[in-house]
Amino acid sequence: MCGESHTIKSGFGRYTYEILSRLSKDPNYEIAEFASYLKDDYIRDVPWKVYPNVPYDNSDELKIYNSNPINHFGQWRFDKVVLHFKPDIVFDIRDYWMFSYQELSCLRPYYHWVVAPTIDSIPQKPEWLKTFENADLVLTHTEWASNYLKSLNRPINIGPCVSDSVNPEEFKPIQWTKNYHKAKFGIPGDSFIIGSVMRNQKRKLIAELFRSLKSLIKKIKNHQVFLYLHTSYPENAGWNIPELLQEYGVYNNVLFTYYNPTSKVIFPSLYKGARINCIFNPNQYAFFPNVSNGVSNSQLCDIYNIFDIYVQYAICEGLGIPQLEAASCGIPLFAVNYSGMEELTSLLGGTKIKCLLSKELETGADRAVPDNDDLIDKVIDWLNKPTQEKKQISKNTRKLLLDNYSWDKTAAVWTKVFNSLEPKNMWNKPLLTNPDLSVPTISNNRAFVYFIVNNLLKEPQLNRTHYIQSIIKSLDENFITSNTGVSQTQRQDFVRVLETLLNNKIYCEKVRSGEISINDIFLNK
């Protein structure tokens, strides 16, 4: 399994831990994790093999690792890990740009490549769909995504849904009154708390939540209203939270989680700064939690139980595990009526927030623009419901969660998929034998590239990839576009690229055959 890391406090991290914890108990499987965000100094704490991706600080490999952003997702070590473990199946559950490099691996003939991309909006980019076509099997995190892929009538081998889930024994309703629970954390017991748990990213609509909160406060006179936002700050390319608090005038109505990494305690507070003295021990500091220094599941459960309702406000979601965790705690769900959020509100009896769709420049996908007024109206409607009706909705929310989501069920789907794939038993066969490196004179660019791919690389399946087709297109047009602009390109530029692929294949064959020994320093066996 290729992922972020079972150790980090993210959706992908939690998925990795929950699935591998179950698969590793099956005596028919030998499991390994290639963890893109794990460092070489990691000491194994799980019953499966782990291959870290991040080199030691100040090591010679660090320069190579930082030479290409895709290396942070595992590109630079992927082939070495595969050669060392010799898997029958390689699978990945992340975003497209985190695993797309795997499509070009020369080792693909040795194993089944199964991907479960987080399809969070439509349409998907053509190159992404082309990669899905070239995978052996494509699974999805939602039925919404599966139905979209099926509607395209493209040659994608679509498998079942392998939904994210939640542990209902860790995330459950409190056994005492909500007023007492709030007061325990220094929050007025009779206040109304709108909660949201999200990473501080562009696609999470923190600014719109603040804007909506400002309007809601003006309309509600008989309730003290807080937005409790469990997020990180500062965050690279994230929202400037203190600036937004000032802009919308909600400084005194937004609570955040502060975390003391020394004592591991948490406490809610209005914004006091990115790093402050801990209220329980002024000699220690506290900051906003993040994926590396995150709160425990029991602490997160306490946070969810402070909320009266949960709001998921984003332009898109592959699924959104915090919504499941909140529902497992019996917190009614309000979410934007699009992508994974649309599916969850339907299955969990939640409240759908109207939205318009706007095409995004970078991805060409439709992104949701939620109707803030609709959110405000529906929150006010919730406030006016009888107390007993609210309690019943809360009970139904947890019941629907238990009926529809289970890590055991998801792991069982993965097991069924894996058991359906017969091992290729190819690892004792040569990857490349005596390549003829002579290239005849060929004027046509497509024929030239195909000759190299078919006769030198001997990987005709690459001709179906967007990568090779983009090379041909750039040669025909004599220019290439990148983040830095448009530049002219010549055939020798791409010859060097294809030579790199060939040299890597030659290297991989020498490793496979035992002629070269892999440096085992980074391999946590």
Protein backbone atom coordinates (compact mmCIF):
# COMPACT_ATOMS: atom_id res chain seq x y z
CA MET A 1 0.00 0.00 0.00
CA CYS A 2 1.27 3.44 -0.96
CA GLY A 3 0.02 6.27 1.22
CA GLU A 4 0.91 9.29 3.33
CA SER A 5 1.67 7.41 6.57
CA HIS A 6 -0.30 5.43 9.14
CA THR A 7 1.20 7.73 11.79
CA ILE A 8 -0.20 11.10 10.73
CA LYS A 9 -3.50 12.71 11.70
CA SER A 10 -5.03 13.02 8.25
CA GLY A 11 -7.84 11.27 6.38
CA PHE A 12 -5.37 9.30 4.27
CA GLY A 13 -3.32 8.47 7.37
CA ARG A 14 -6.33 7.17 9.23
CA TYR A 15 -7.51 5.14 6.21
CA THR A 16 -4.07 3.56 5.91
CA TYR A 17 -3.93 2.58 9.58
CA GLU A 18 -7.47 1.19 9.75
CA ILE A 19 -7.20 -0.88 6.56
CA LEU A 20 -3.71 -2.26 7.12
CA SER A 21 -4.54 -3.09 10.76
CA ARG A 22 -7.20 -5.44 9.42
CA LEU A 23 -5.44 -6.80 6.32
CA SER A 24 -2.30 -7.60 8.31
CA LYS A 25 -4.29 -10.09 10.41
CA ASP A 26 -4.99 -12.23 7.33
CA PRO A 27 -2.39 -15.05 7.24
CA ASN A 28 -2.70 -15.19 3.45
CA TYR A 29 -1.19 -11.73 3.05
CA GLU A 30 2.24 -10.24 3.54
CA ILE A 31 1.72 -6.49 3.91
CA ALA A 32 4.03 -3.55 3.32
CA GLU A 33 3.36 0.19 3.51
CA PHE A 34 5.29 2.74 1.45
CA ALA A 35 4.80 5.88 3.58
CA SER A 36 5.50 9.07 1.66
CA TYR A 37 5.53 11.35 4.74
CA LEU A 38 7.51 9.06 7.06
CA LYS A 39 11.19 9.69 7.80
CA ASP A 40 14.03 7.18 7.72
CA ASP A 41 14.44 7.40 11.52
CA TYR A 42 11.00 5.83 11.99
CA ILE A 43 10.88 2.93 14.46
CA ARG A 44 8.24 0.40 13.43
CA ASP A 45 5.17 0.38 15.68
CA VAL A 46 2.84 -1.79 13.56
CA PRO A 47 2.76 -5.50 12.56
CA TRP A 48 3.45 -4.86 8.88
CA LYS A 49 6.58 -3.89 6.97
CA VAL A 50 7.09 -0.15 6.52
CA TYR A 51 9.22 1.66 3.93
CA PRO A 52 9.74 5.37 4.75
CA ASN A 53 10.11 7.87 1.92
CA VAL A 54 11.74 10.88 3.61
CA PRO A 55 15.55 10.66 4.00
CA TYR A 56 17.47 11.57 7.12
CA ASP A 57 18.20 15.26 7.71
CA ASN A 58 21.53 16.35 6.21
CA SER A 59 21.85 13.08 4.28
CA ASP A 60 23.23 12.90 0.74
CA GLU A 61 19.82 11.68 -0.45
CA LEU A 62 18.02 14.80 0.80
CA LYS A 63 19.13 16.82 -2.22
CA ILE A 64 17.70 14.19 -4.58
CA TYR A 65 14.48 14.03 -2.56
CA ASN A 66 14.01 17.81 -2.78
CA SER A 67 14.93 18.04 -6.48
CA ASN A 68 11.37 17.23 -7.60
CA PRO A 69 8.11 17.91 -5.68
CA ILE A 70 6.73 14.55 -6.86
CA ASN A 71 9.48 12.83 -4.88
CA HIS A 72 7.62 13.92 -1.74
CA PHE A 73 4.86 11.54 -2.83
CA GLY A 74 7.34 8.70 -3.33
CA GLN A 75 8.52 8.83 -6.95
CA TRP A 76 12.24 8.65 -6.22
CA ARG A 77 12.02 5.52 -4.05
CA PHE A 78 9.01 3.73 -5.50
CA ASP A 79 10.88 1.34 -7.81
CA LYS A 80 13.43 0.48 -5.10
CA VAL A 81 10.69 -0.35 -2.62
CA VAL A 82 8.86 -2.49 -5.18
CA LEU A 83 12.07 -4.31 -6.09
CA HIS A 84 12.81 -5.02 -2.45
CA PHE A 85 9.30 -6.22 -1.48
CA LYS A 86 8.37 -7.86 -4.82
CA PRO A 87 4.60 -7.43 -4.41
CA ASP A 88 1.82 -9.19 -6.28
CA ILE A 89 -0.40 -6.11 -5.81
CA VAL A 90 0.37 -2.42 -5.40
CA PHE A 91 -2.53 -0.20 -4.36
CA ASP A 92 -2.98 3.49 -3.60
CA ILE A 93 -5.97 5.40 -2.18
CA ARG A 94 -4.74 9.00 -2.57
CA ASP A 95 -5.28 11.89 -4.97
CA TYR A 96 -4.30 11.45 -8.62
CA TRP A 97 -1.20 13.68 -8.47
CA MET A 98 0.12 11.65 -5.53
CA PHE A 99 0.22 8.35 -7.43
CA SER A 100 0.29 9.18 -11.16
CA TYR A 101 4.07 8.58 -11.38
CA GLN A 102 3.39 4.90 -10.63
CA GLU A 103 1.77 4.53 -14.05
CA LEU A 104 5.17 4.87 -15.73
CA SER A 105 7.05 2.34 -13.61
CA CYS A 106 8.87 -0.24 -15.71
CA LEU A 107 7.98 -2.81 -13.03
CA ARG A 108 4.26 -2.77 -13.82
CA PRO A 109 4.36 -6.21 -15.55
CA TYR A 110 5.20 -7.86 -12.22
CA TYR A 111 2.14 -6.84 -10.20
CA HIS A 112 -1.48 -5.68 -10.35
CA TRP A 113 -1.83 -1.90 -9.98
CA VAL A 114 -5.03 -0.97 -8.13
CA VAL A 115 -5.95 2.64 -7.42
CA ALA A 116 -8.77 4.23 -5.46
CA PRO A 117 -8.53 7.93 -6.37
CA THR A 118 -10.39 10.55 -4.37
CA ILE A 119 -12.75 11.76 -7.08
CA ASP A 120 -14.09 14.91 -5.46
CA SER A 121 -15.56 16.77 -8.44
CA ILE A 122 -16.44 16.42 -12.09
CA PRO A 123 -15.42 16.39 -14.84
CA GLN A 124 -12.06 14.79 -14.17
CA LYS A 125 -9.13 15.98 -16.30
CA PRO A 126 -8.57 13.90 -19.47
CA GLU A 127 -5.07 12.88 -18.38
CA TRP A 128 -6.44 11.63 -15.06
CA LEU A 129 -9.04 9.51 -16.85
CA LYS A 130 -6.33 8.17 -19.15
CA THR A 131 -4.36 7.03 -16.09
CA PHE A 132 -7.47 5.36 -14.68
CA GLU A 133 -7.82 3.49 -17.99
CA ASN A 134 -4.28 2.18 -17.65
CA ALA A 135 -4.72 0.93 -14.07
CA ASP A 136 -5.57 -2.73 -13.64
CA LEU A 137 -8.50 -1.81 -11.41
CA VAL A 138 -10.06 1.46 -10.22
CA LEU A 139 -12.05 1.58 -6.99
CA THR A 140 -13.81 4.64 -5.58
CA HIS A 141 -14.43 6.17 -2.17
CA THR A 142 -18.08 6.95 -2.97
CA GLU A 143 -20.87 5.58 -5.12
CA TRP A 144 -21.20 9.15 -6.45
CA ALA A 145 -17.71 8.84 -7.95
CA SER A 146 -18.35 5.31 -9.21
CA ASN A 147 -21.52 6.39 -10.99
CA TYR A 148 -19.64 9.24 -12.64
CA LEU A 149 -16.92 6.95 -14.02
CA LYS A 150 -19.51 4.47 -15.27
CA SER A 151 -21.39 7.24 -17.08
CA LEU A 152 -18.32 8.02 -19.22
CA ASN A 153 -18.34 4.70 -21.11
CA ARG A 154 -14.55 4.69 -21.14
CA PRO A 155 -12.42 1.52 -20.90
CA ILE A 156 -11.91 1.88 -17.14
CA ASN A 157 -12.03 -1.34 -15.13
CA ILE A 158 -14.24 -0.08 -12.30
CA GLY A 159 -14.40 -2.07 -9.10
CA PRO A 160 -16.51 -1.65 -5.95
CA CYS A 161 -16.65 1.27 -3.54
CA VAL A 162 -14.09 1.19 -0.70
CA SER A 163 -15.51 3.95 1.43
CA ASP A 164 -13.71 5.69 4.27
CA SER A 165 -15.27 4.97 7.64
CA VAL A 166 -14.99 5.59 11.37
CA ASN A 167 -14.53 3.63 14.59
CA PRO A 168 -17.87 4.07 16.44
CA GLU A 169 -16.33 2.92 19.72
CA GLU A 170 -13.87 5.79 19.63
CA PHE A 171 -16.29 8.38 18.25
CA LYS A 172 -19.54 8.21 20.20
CA PRO A 173 -22.00 10.50 22.01
CA ILE A 174 -21.16 11.70 25.52
CA GLN A 175 -22.92 10.10 28.47
CA TRP A 176 -23.73 13.39 30.19
CA THR A 177 -25.54 16.56 29.16
CA LYS A 178 -24.15 18.69 26.37
CA ASN A 179 -24.43 21.81 28.56
CA TYR A 180 -22.18 20.20 31.18
CA HIS A 181 -19.75 19.04 28.49
CA LYS A 182 -19.44 22.56 27.08
CA ALA A 183 -18.98 24.07 30.52
CA LYS A 184 -16.22 21.54 31.24
CA PHE A 185 -14.25 23.18 28.43
CA GLY A 186 -15.02 26.73 29.57
CA ILE A 187 -17.76 27.32 27.00
CA PRO A 188 -21.18 28.69 28.10
CA GLY A 189 -23.42 25.67 28.46
CA ASP A 190 -26.44 27.32 26.84
CA SER A 191 -24.50 28.62 23.82
CA PHE A 192 -25.15 27.30 20.31
CA ILE A 193 -22.05 25.75 18.71
CA ILE A 194 -21.63 25.28 14.97
CA GLY A 195 -18.68 22.95 14.50
CA SER A 196 -16.34 22.11 11.66
CA VAL A 197 -13.15 20.04 11.47
CA MET A 198 -11.02 20.70 8.41
CA ARG A 199 -7.50 21.20 7.20
CA ASN A 200 -6.60 24.80 6.42
CA GLN A 201 -6.67 24.54 2.62
CA LYS A 202 -7.94 26.63 -0.27
CA ARG A 203 -10.81 24.25 -1.01
CA LYS A 204 -12.11 24.45 2.56
CA LEU A 205 -14.34 27.52 2.64
CA ILE A 206 -13.25 29.03 5.94
CA ALA A 207 -13.78 32.58 4.71
CA GLU A 208 -17.37 31.80 3.68
CA LEU A 209 -18.05 30.19 7.06
CA PHE A 210 -16.90 33.40 8.76
CA ARG A 211 -19.03 35.48 6.39
CA SER A 212 -22.07 33.32 7.13
CA LEU A 213 -21.42 33.49 10.87
CA LYS A 214 -21.39 37.28 10.75
CA SER A 215 -24.83 37.35 9.08
CA LEU A 216 -26.19 34.66 11.38
CA ILE A 217 -25.22 36.59 14.52
CA LYS A 218 -27.12 39.64 13.27
CA LYS A 219 -30.27 37.55 12.76
CA ILE A 220 -30.16 35.68 16.06
CA LYS A 221 -30.71 37.76 19.18
CA ASN A 222 -31.74 35.12 21.75
CA HIS A 223 -28.76 32.75 21.40
CA GLN A 224 -25.05 33.11 21.98
CA VAL A 225 -23.54 31.63 18.82
CA PHE A 226 -20.02 30.30 18.29
CA LEU A 227 -18.31 28.66 15.35
CA TYR A 228 -15.88 26.06 16.67
CA LEU A 229 -13.27 25.56 13.93
CA HIS A 230 -10.82 22.73 14.57
CA THR A 231 -8.08 23.45 12.04
CA SER A 232 -4.40 24.33 11.66
CA TYR A 233 -2.69 27.72 11.48
CA PRO A 234 -0.35 28.84 10.08
CA GLU A 235 -0.53 26.56 7.07
CA ASN A 236 1.40 26.75 3.82
CA ALA A 237 -1.01 28.07 1.13
CA GLY A 238 -3.77 28.12 3.76
CA TRP A 239 -6.16 30.86 4.86
CA ASN A 240 -4.88 33.78 6.94
CA ILE A 241 -7.20 33.15 9.86
CA PRO A 242 -6.51 36.21 12.05
CA GLU A 243 -6.95 38.45 9.00
CA LEU A 244 -10.33 36.83 8.23
CA LEU A 245 -11.45 37.16 11.86
CA GLN A 246 -10.77 40.87 11.68
CA GLU A 247 -12.31 41.32 8.23
CA TYR A 248 -15.63 39.72 9.19
CA GLY A 249 -15.73 40.99 12.74
CA VAL A 250 -16.20 37.55 14.30
CA TYR A 251 -13.13 37.58 16.50
CA ASN A 252 -15.24 36.94 19.64
CA ASN A 253 -17.40 34.23 18.07
CA VAL A 254 -14.91 31.69 16.70
CA LEU A 255 -13.30 29.07 18.92
CA PHE A 256 -10.19 27.10 18.02
CA THR A 257 -8.40 24.10 19.50
CA TYR A 258 -5.04 24.75 21.14
CA TYR A 259 -2.75 21.78 21.78
CA ASN A 260 0.11 21.48 24.27
CA PRO A 261 2.63 19.01 22.72
CA THR A 262 4.41 18.51 26.06
CA SER A 263 1.47 17.56 28.27
CA LYS A 264 -0.76 16.47 25.34
CA VAL A 265 -3.68 18.52 26.70
CA ILE A 266 -6.11 20.53 24.59
CA PHE A 267 -8.31 23.53 25.30
CA PRO A 268 -10.72 25.61 23.19
CA SER A 269 -10.09 29.33 23.00
CA LEU A 270 -10.78 32.44 20.99
CA TYR A 271 -7.81 33.29 18.78
CA LYS A 272 -4.88 34.41 20.95
CA GLY A 273 -2.08 33.82 18.45
CA ALA A 274 -0.54 30.96 16.52
CA ARG A 275 1.55 29.98 19.56
CA ILE A 276 0.56 30.88 23.10
CA ASN A 277 1.29 29.95 26.70
CA CYS A 278 -0.72 26.92 27.82
CA ILE A 279 -3.54 27.89 30.20
CA PHE A 280 -2.80 24.82 32.34
CA ASN A 281 0.96 25.38 32.45
CA PRO A 282 2.13 28.90 31.50
CA ASN A 283 5.72 27.64 31.24
CA GLN A 284 4.74 25.48 28.29
CA TYR A 285 3.35 26.54 24.95
CA ALA A 286 0.32 25.52 22.92
CA PHE A 287 -0.48 25.86 19.22
CA PHE A 288 -3.05 24.84 16.62
CA PRO A 289 -2.85 21.06 16.04
CA ASN A 290 -1.85 19.74 12.63
CA VAL A 291 -1.36 16.40 10.87
CA SER A 292 2.06 15.91 12.48
CA ASN A 293 1.10 17.09 15.97
CA GLY A 294 -2.54 16.17 16.16
CA VAL A 295 -4.97 15.45 18.96
CA SER A 296 -5.88 11.91 19.98
CA ASN A 297 -9.11 10.30 18.84
CA SER A 298 -10.56 10.57 22.34
CA GLN A 299 -9.78 14.30 22.41
CA LEU A 300 -11.27 14.74 18.95
CA CYS A 301 -14.38 12.91 20.16
CA ASP A 302 -14.64 15.43 23.01
CA ILE A 303 -14.40 18.26 20.49
CA TYR A 304 -17.16 16.85 18.27
CA ASN A 305 -19.43 16.48 21.28
CA ILE A 306 -19.14 20.21 21.99
CA PHE A 307 -20.91 20.85 18.66
CA ASP A 308 -24.67 21.23 18.34
CA ILE A 309 -24.47 20.78 14.54
CA TYR A 310 -21.64 19.99 12.16
CA VAL A 311 -21.10 22.00 8.96
CA GLN A 312 -18.96 20.81 6.04
CA TYR A 313 -18.23 23.82 3.85
CA ALA A 314 -15.97 23.07 0.90
CA ILE A 315 -15.85 23.42 -2.87
CA CYS A 316 -15.58 19.60 -3.11
CA GLU A 317 -14.90 16.47 -1.08
CA GLY A 318 -13.75 12.99 -2.01
CA LEU A 319 -15.74 11.96 1.05
CA GLY A 320 -14.65 13.81 4.19
CA ILE A 321 -13.93 11.62 7.23
CA PRO A 322 -14.71 14.37 9.80
CA GLN A 323 -18.34 14.22 8.67
CA LEU A 324 -18.42 10.51 9.54
CA GLU A 325 -16.74 11.12 12.88
CA ALA A 326 -19.22 13.86 13.76
CA ALA A 327 -22.16 11.67 12.73
CA SER A 328 -20.78 8.81 14.82
CA CYS A 329 -20.95 11.19 17.80
CA GLY A 330 -24.60 11.88 16.95
CA ILE A 331 -23.93 15.40 15.64
CA PRO A 332 -26.43 16.33 12.86
CA LEU A 333 -24.74 17.04 9.55
CA PHE A 334 -25.12 20.14 7.35
CA ALA A 335 -23.09 19.98 4.13
CA VAL A 336 -22.82 21.41 0.64
CA ASN A 337 -24.92 19.45 -1.85
CA TYR A 338 -22.08 18.30 -4.10
CA SER A 339 -19.68 15.37 -4.55
CA GLY A 340 -18.89 13.29 -1.46
CA MET A 341 -20.81 15.72 0.73
CA GLU A 342 -23.97 15.10 -1.30
CA GLU A 343 -23.66 11.35 -0.76
CA LEU A 344 -23.04 11.61 2.98
CA THR A 345 -25.96 13.93 3.67
CA SER A 346 -28.23 11.55 1.76
CA LEU A 347 -27.07 8.46 3.67
CA LEU A 348 -26.87 10.14 7.08
CA GLY A 349 -30.12 12.08 6.97
CA GLY A 350 -28.25 15.39 6.90
CA THR A 351 -29.26 18.83 5.69
CA LYS A 352 -28.12 19.76 2.18
CA ILE A 353 -26.93 23.31 1.53
CA LYS A 354 -27.79 24.64 -1.92
CA CYS A 355 -24.92 25.53 -4.20
CA LEU A 356 -24.04 26.70 -7.67
CA LEU A 357 -21.23 25.14 -9.67
CA SER A 358 -18.32 27.11 -11.09
CA LYS A 359 -15.57 25.72 -13.31
CA GLU A 360 -12.08 25.97 -11.83
CA LEU A 361 -9.24 27.14 -14.06
CA GLU A 362 -6.55 24.81 -12.68
CA THR A 363 -8.48 21.54 -12.93
CA GLY A 364 -11.33 22.28 -15.33
CA ALA A 365 -13.64 20.71 -12.74
CA ASP A 366 -16.90 22.08 -11.39
CA ARG A 367 -16.47 23.42 -7.87
CA ALA A 368 -19.28 24.22 -5.47
CA VAL A 369 -20.18 27.77 -4.52
CA PRO A 370 -22.48 27.32 -1.51
CA ASP A 371 -25.49 29.54 -0.88
CA ASN A 372 -24.64 31.25 2.41
CA ASP A 373 -28.20 32.49 2.83
CA ASP A 374 -29.49 28.93 2.53
CA LEU A 375 -27.07 27.80 5.24
CA ILE A 376 -28.19 30.64 7.51
CA ASP A 377 -31.89 29.90 6.94
CA LYS A 378 -31.41 26.21 7.67
CA VAL A 379 -29.40 26.88 10.82
CA ILE A 380 -32.16 29.19 12.07
CA ASP A 381 -34.72 26.54 11.20
CA TRP A 382 -32.73 24.04 13.26
CA LEU A 383 -32.64 26.42 16.23
CA ASN A 384 -36.44 26.68 16.13
CA LYS A 385 -37.00 22.92 16.23
CA PRO A 386 -38.35 21.42 19.46
CA THR A 387 -35.66 19.99 21.75
CA GLN A 388 -37.09 16.48 21.54
CA GLU A 389 -37.00 16.53 17.73
CA LYS A 390 -33.34 17.58 17.81
CA LYS A 391 -32.51 14.70 20.13
CA GLN A 392 -34.27 12.22 17.86
CA ILE A 393 -32.38 13.53 14.80
CA SER A 394 -29.14 13.13 16.73
CA LYS A 395 -29.96 9.47 17.54
CA ASN A 396 -30.97 8.80 13.94
CA THR A 397 -27.72 10.34 12.69
CA ARG A 398 -25.61 7.86 14.64
CA LYS A 399 -27.87 4.95 13.71
CA LEU A 400 -27.56 5.76 9.99
CA LEU A 401 -23.80 6.01 10.41
CA LEU A 402 -23.66 2.55 11.95
CA ASP A 403 -25.93 1.16 9.23
CA ASN A 404 -23.88 2.54 6.33
CA TYR A 405 -20.22 2.78 7.33
CA SER A 406 -17.77 0.30 8.84
CA TRP A 407 -14.01 -0.15 8.54
CA ASP A 408 -14.57 -3.90 8.79
CA LYS A 409 -16.89 -3.79 5.77
CA THR A 410 -14.42 -1.67 3.81
CA ALA A 411 -11.54 -4.02 4.63
CA ALA A 412 -13.72 -6.96 3.57
CA VAL A 413 -14.24 -5.32 0.17
CA TRP A 414 -10.47 -4.90 -0.24
CA THR A 415 -9.98 -8.55 0.73
CA LYS A 416 -12.50 -9.69 -1.85
CA VAL A 417 -10.79 -7.57 -4.52
CA PHE A 418 -7.32 -8.86 -3.66
CA ASN A 419 -8.47 -12.48 -3.58
CA SER A 420 -9.89 -12.06 -7.09
CA LEU A 421 -6.46 -11.12 -8.51
CA GLU A 422 -4.24 -14.04 -9.41
CA PRO A 423 -0.52 -13.41 -8.79
CA LYS A 424 1.38 -12.87 -12.02
CA ASN A 425 4.40 -14.87 -10.74
CA MET A 426 6.74 -12.83 -12.91
CA TRP A 427 9.47 -11.82 -10.47
CA ASN A 428 11.90 -14.49 -11.66
CA LYS A 429 11.66 -13.31 -15.29
CA PRO A 430 14.02 -10.72 -16.83
CA LEU A 431 12.73 -7.18 -17.17
CA LEU A 432 15.00 -6.33 -20.09
CA THR A 433 17.38 -8.41 -22.20
CA ASN A 434 20.14 -7.12 -24.50
CA PRO A 435 18.44 -3.89 -25.67
CA ASP A 436 19.33 -2.71 -29.18
CA LEU A 437 20.02 1.00 -28.72
CA SER A 438 20.24 1.90 -32.42
CA VAL A 439 17.51 4.24 -33.69
CA PRO A 440 16.84 4.60 -37.42
CA THR A 441 16.13 7.96 -39.02
CA ILE A 442 12.39 8.58 -38.62
CA SER A 443 10.93 11.97 -39.55
CA ASN A 444 7.42 11.48 -38.20
CA ASN A 445 7.38 12.38 -34.49
CA ARG A 446 4.72 9.85 -33.51
CA ALA A 447 6.47 7.01 -35.34
CA PHE A 448 9.80 8.11 -33.81
CA VAL A 449 8.50 8.07 -30.22
CA TYR A 450 6.61 4.81 -30.74
CA PHE A 451 9.76 3.17 -32.11
CA ILE A 452 11.70 4.09 -28.95
CA VAL A 453 8.89 2.97 -26.65
CA ASN A 454 8.24 -0.28 -28.50
CA ASN A 455 11.75 -1.34 -29.46
CA LEU A 456 14.11 0.22 -26.90
CA LEU A 457 11.98 0.53 -23.78
CA LYS A 458 9.90 -2.46 -24.89
CA GLU A 459 6.89 -1.06 -23.04
CA PRO A 460 4.16 -0.59 -25.67
CA GLN A 461 1.59 0.01 -22.92
CA LEU A 462 3.21 3.41 -22.37
CA ASN A 463 1.88 4.54 -25.74
CA ARG A 464 -1.57 4.72 -24.14
CA THR A 465 -0.44 7.10 -21.41
CA HIS A 466 -1.00 10.83 -21.40
CA TYR A 467 2.71 11.22 -20.68
CA ILE A 468 3.83 9.75 -24.01
CA GLN A 469 1.02 11.39 -25.96
CA SER A 470 1.99 14.79 -24.52
CA ILE A 471 5.56 14.23 -25.70
CA ILE A 472 4.33 13.61 -29.25
CA LYS A 473 2.06 16.67 -29.10
CA SER A 474 4.91 18.89 -27.90
CA LEU A 475 7.19 17.64 -30.66
CA ASP A 476 4.55 18.29 -33.33
CA GLU A 477 3.81 21.79 -32.01
CA ASN A 478 7.46 22.55 -31.23
CA PHE A 479 6.65 24.04 -27.83
CA ILE A 480 5.88 22.93 -24.32
CA THR A 481 3.88 24.68 -21.60
CA SER A 482 4.82 24.58 -17.93
CA ASN A 483 4.32 26.55 -14.75
CA THR A 484 7.02 28.94 -15.92
CA GLY A 485 5.41 29.64 -19.30
CA VAL A 486 5.80 28.47 -22.89
CA SER A 487 9.15 27.40 -24.36
CA GLN A 488 10.37 25.86 -27.57
CA THR A 489 11.33 22.22 -27.52
CA GLN A 490 13.40 19.97 -29.72
CA ARG A 491 13.53 16.24 -30.30
CA GLN A 492 16.75 15.77 -28.34
CA ASP A 493 15.04 17.16 -25.22
CA PHE A 494 12.64 14.25 -25.22
CA VAL A 495 15.27 11.75 -26.29
CA ARG A 496 16.97 12.54 -22.98
CA VAL A 497 13.69 11.93 -21.13
CA LEU A 498 13.21 8.57 -22.82
CA GLU A 499 16.85 7.71 -22.17
CA THR A 500 16.21 8.32 -18.47
CA LEU A 501 13.34 5.82 -18.55
CA LEU A 502 15.55 3.28 -20.32
CA ASN A 503 18.47 3.77 -17.91
CA ASN A 504 16.12 3.30 -14.97
CA LYS A 505 14.82 0.08 -16.52
CA ILE A 506 18.37 -1.21 -16.99
CA TYR A 507 19.12 -0.35 -13.35
CA CYS A 508 15.95 -2.06 -12.14
CA GLU A 509 16.84 -5.24 -14.03
CA LYS A 510 20.28 -5.29 -12.42
CA VAL A 511 18.65 -4.95 -9.00
CA ARG A 512 16.02 -7.61 -9.80
CA SER A 513 18.67 -10.06 -10.97
CA GLY A 514 20.91 -9.42 -7.95
CA GLU A 515 23.72 -7.79 -9.94
CA ILE A 516 23.20 -4.62 -7.86
CA SER A 517 22.30 -4.72 -4.17
CA ILE A 518 19.82 -2.12 -2.87
CA ASN A 519 21.12 0.05 -0.06
CA ASP A 520 19.04 -1.20 2.87
CA ILE A 521 19.65 1.77 5.14
CA PHE A 522 16.19 3.23 4.45
CA LEU A 523 14.39 -0.12 4.40
CA ASN A 524 12.71 -0.74 7.75
CA LYS A 525 12.35 -4.53 7.59
